[in-house]
Amino acid sequence: MRKILFSPLLAVLFMVATLSASAQTNHNPNIKQPDEPFTSISLFEVTQQDADQFVADWNKRSAVVGQMPGFVTATLYKSILPDHKYQLVDVAQWQSYNA
């Protein structure tokens, strides 16, 4: 299940952050990840003016990420405080690093 959120650069950063766990495991055999569920939390500094576009782009990216092995769910939270540093927070859950 995907729920709600900007620029092509953030899209690339989102994909890099999402794929980094499997990249580390594949490239460094000394790093052992437990084979159990985990949660990824990403904070985004986005202006209020850019938040709507970010949400639209996040929805597109989450459709792609949602097809990845091991993906469980992702939710995007929007701050109710207009001047908060982190306007958006993504919480994604995965079956395991090795899925």
C-alpha atoms as a PDB file:
ATOM      1  CA  MET A   1       0.000   0.000   0.000  1.00  0.00           C
ATOM      2  CA  ARG A   2       1.374   3.432  -0.945  1.00  0.00           C
ATOM      3  CA  LYS A   3       0.227   6.724   0.377  1.00  0.00           C
ATOM      4  CA  ILE A   4       1.034  10.146  -0.558  1.00  0.00           C
ATOM      5  CA  LEU A   5       5.110  13.508  -2.411  1.00  0.00           C
ATOM      6  CA  PHE A   6       9.654  17.692  -6.286  1.00  0.00           C
ATOM      7  CA  SER A   7      12.631  17.836  -8.313  1.00  0.00           C
ATOM      8  CA  PRO A   8      14.530  15.363 -10.503  1.00  0.00           C
ATOM      9  CA  LEU A   9      17.455  15.607  -8.074  1.00  0.00           C
ATOM     10  CA  LEU A  10      15.265  14.476  -5.179  1.00  0.00           C
ATOM     11  CA  ALA A  11      13.949  11.657  -7.331  1.00  0.00           C
ATOM     12  CA  VAL A  12      17.504  10.423  -7.877  1.00  0.00           C
ATOM     13  CA  LEU A  13      18.354  10.810  -4.192  1.00  0.00           C
ATOM     14  CA  PHE A  14      15.216   8.875  -3.260  1.00  0.00           C
ATOM     15  CA  MET A  15      16.152   5.973  -5.529  1.00  0.00           C
ATOM     16  CA  VAL A  16      19.779   5.971  -4.325  1.00  0.00           C
ATOM     17  CA  ALA A  17      18.688   5.933  -0.690  1.00  0.00           C
ATOM     18  CA  THR A  18      16.176   3.187  -1.376  1.00  0.00           C
ATOM     19  CA  LEU A  19      18.640   1.001  -3.233  1.00  0.00           C
ATOM     20  CA  SER A  20      21.664   1.648  -0.998  1.00  0.00           C
ATOM     21  CA  ALA A  21      21.060  -1.294   1.335  1.00  0.00           C
ATOM     22  CA  SER A  22      21.175  -3.860  -1.461  1.00  0.00           C
ATOM     23  CA  ALA A  23      24.124  -2.099  -3.091  1.00  0.00           C
ATOM     24  CA  GLN A  24      26.145  -2.308   0.118  1.00  0.00           C
ATOM     25  CA  THR A  25      25.330  -5.978   0.586  1.00  0.00           C
ATOM     26  CA  ASN A  26      26.225  -6.822  -3.013  1.00  0.00           C
ATOM     27  CA  HIS A  27      29.500  -4.902  -3.068  1.00  0.00           C
ATOM     28  CA  ASN A  28      30.873  -5.698   0.374  1.00  0.00           C
ATOM     29  CA  PRO A  29      30.568  -9.329   1.479  1.00  0.00           C
ATOM     30  CA  ASN A  30      31.867  -8.374   4.935  1.00  0.00           C
ATOM     31  CA  ILE A  31      28.667  -6.464   5.695  1.00  0.00           C
ATOM     32  CA  LYS A  32      26.026  -8.888   6.895  1.00  0.00           C
ATOM     33  CA  GLN A  33      22.461  -7.638   7.163  1.00  0.00           C
ATOM     34  CA  PRO A  34      19.919  -9.490   9.290  1.00  0.00           C
ATOM     35  CA  ASP A  35      17.244 -11.268   7.307  1.00  0.00           C
ATOM     36  CA  GLU A  36      14.334  -9.557   9.044  1.00  0.00           C
ATOM     37  CA  PRO A  37      11.956  -6.651   8.376  1.00  0.00           C
ATOM     38  CA  PHE A  38      13.217  -3.081   8.651  1.00  0.00           C
ATOM     39  CA  THR A  39      11.879   0.451   8.370  1.00  0.00           C
ATOM     40  CA  SER A  40      13.540   3.264   6.419  1.00  0.00           C
ATOM     41  CA  ILE A  41      12.793   6.860   7.463  1.00  0.00           C
ATOM     42  CA  SER A  42      13.748   9.743   5.146  1.00  0.00           C
ATOM     43  CA  LEU A  43      13.399  13.439   6.008  1.00  0.00           C
ATOM     44  CA  PHE A  44      12.914  15.964   3.206  1.00  0.00           C
ATOM     45  CA  GLU A  45      13.547  19.705   3.356  1.00  0.00           C
ATOM     46  CA  VAL A  46      11.002  21.054   0.884  1.00  0.00           C
ATOM     47  CA  THR A  47       9.487  24.519   0.734  1.00  0.00           C
ATOM     48  CA  GLN A  48       5.728  24.774   1.024  1.00  0.00           C
ATOM     49  CA  GLN A  49       5.663  26.060  -2.555  1.00  0.00           C
ATOM     50  CA  ASP A  50       7.336  22.853  -3.790  1.00  0.00           C
ATOM     51  CA  ALA A  51       5.451  20.390  -1.591  1.00  0.00           C
ATOM     52  CA  ASP A  52       2.624  19.665  -4.054  1.00  0.00           C
ATOM     53  CA  GLN A  53       5.054  18.854  -6.869  1.00  0.00           C
ATOM     54  CA  PHE A  54       7.112  16.712  -4.507  1.00  0.00           C
ATOM     55  CA  VAL A  55       3.982  14.742  -3.564  1.00  0.00           C
ATOM     56  CA  ALA A  56       3.160  14.138  -7.230  1.00  0.00           C
ATOM     57  CA  ASP A  57       6.716  12.973  -7.953  1.00  0.00           C
ATOM     58  CA  TRP A  58       6.802  10.820  -4.811  1.00  0.00           C
ATOM     59  CA  ASN A  59       3.632   9.069  -5.955  1.00  0.00           C
ATOM     60  CA  LYS A  60       5.258   8.245  -9.320  1.00  0.00           C
ATOM     61  CA  ARG A  61       8.466   6.987  -7.674  1.00  0.00           C
ATOM     62  CA  SER A  62       6.584   4.955  -5.107  1.00  0.00           C
ATOM     63  CA  ALA A  63       4.783   3.095  -7.889  1.00  0.00           C
ATOM     64  CA  VAL A  64       8.196   1.937  -9.171  1.00  0.00           C
ATOM     65  CA  VAL A  65       9.615   1.196  -5.726  1.00  0.00           C
ATOM     66  CA  GLY A  66       6.429  -0.665  -4.849  1.00  0.00           C
ATOM     67  CA  GLN A  67       7.330  -3.311  -7.443  1.00  0.00           C
ATOM     68  CA  MET A  68      10.748  -4.010  -5.910  1.00  0.00           C
ATOM     69  CA  PRO A  69      11.306  -7.342  -4.146  1.00  0.00           C
ATOM     70  CA  GLY A  70      10.807  -7.075  -0.409  1.00  0.00           C
ATOM     71  CA  PHE A  71       8.826  -3.842  -0.458  1.00  0.00           C
ATOM     72  CA  VAL A  72       5.939  -3.807   2.027  1.00  0.00           C
ATOM     73  CA  THR A  73       4.567  -0.263   2.285  1.00  0.00           C
ATOM     74  CA  ALA A  74       5.485   3.426   2.244  1.00  0.00           C
ATOM     75  CA  THR A  75       3.754   6.454   3.685  1.00  0.00           C
ATOM     76  CA  LEU A  76       4.581  10.111   3.187  1.00  0.00           C
ATOM     77  CA  TYR A  77       3.778  12.426   6.077  1.00  0.00           C
ATOM     78  CA  LYS A  78       3.385  16.193   5.656  1.00  0.00           C
ATOM     79  CA  SER A  79       4.101  18.620   8.475  1.00  0.00           C
ATOM     80  CA  ILE A  80       1.205  20.665   9.785  1.00  0.00           C
ATOM     81  CA  LEU A  81       3.684  23.395  10.785  1.00  0.00           C
ATOM     82  CA  PRO A  82       4.355  25.656   7.773  1.00  0.00           C
ATOM     83  CA  ASP A  83       7.843  26.703   8.922  1.00  0.00           C
ATOM     84  CA  HIS A  84       9.150  23.305  10.046  1.00  0.00           C
ATOM     85  CA  LYS A  85      12.562  22.368   8.578  1.00  0.00           C
ATOM     86  CA  TYR A  86      11.359  18.971   7.391  1.00  0.00           C
ATOM     87  CA  GLN A  87       8.045  19.412   5.629  1.00  0.00           C
ATOM     88  CA  LEU A  88       7.877  15.804   4.471  1.00  0.00           C
ATOM     89  CA  VAL A  89       8.841  12.477   6.039  1.00  0.00           C
ATOM     90  CA  ASP A  90       8.827   9.173   4.165  1.00  0.00           C
ATOM     91  CA  VAL A  91       8.470   5.954   6.161  1.00  0.00           C
ATOM     92  CA  ALA A  92       9.033   2.782   4.120  1.00  0.00           C
ATOM     93  CA  GLN A  93       8.883  -0.785   5.349  1.00  0.00           C
ATOM     94  CA  TRP A  94      10.712  -3.710   3.773  1.00  0.00           C
ATOM     95  CA  GLN A  95      10.634  -7.474   4.355  1.00  0.00           C
ATOM     96  CA  SER A  96      14.435  -7.610   4.676  1.00  0.00           C
ATOM     97  CA  TYR A  97      17.671  -6.235   3.236  1.00  0.00           C
ATOM     98  CA  ASN A  98      18.137  -9.472   1.320  1.00  0.00           C
ATOM     99  CA  ALA A  99      14.650  -9.784  -0.183  1.00  0.00           C
END
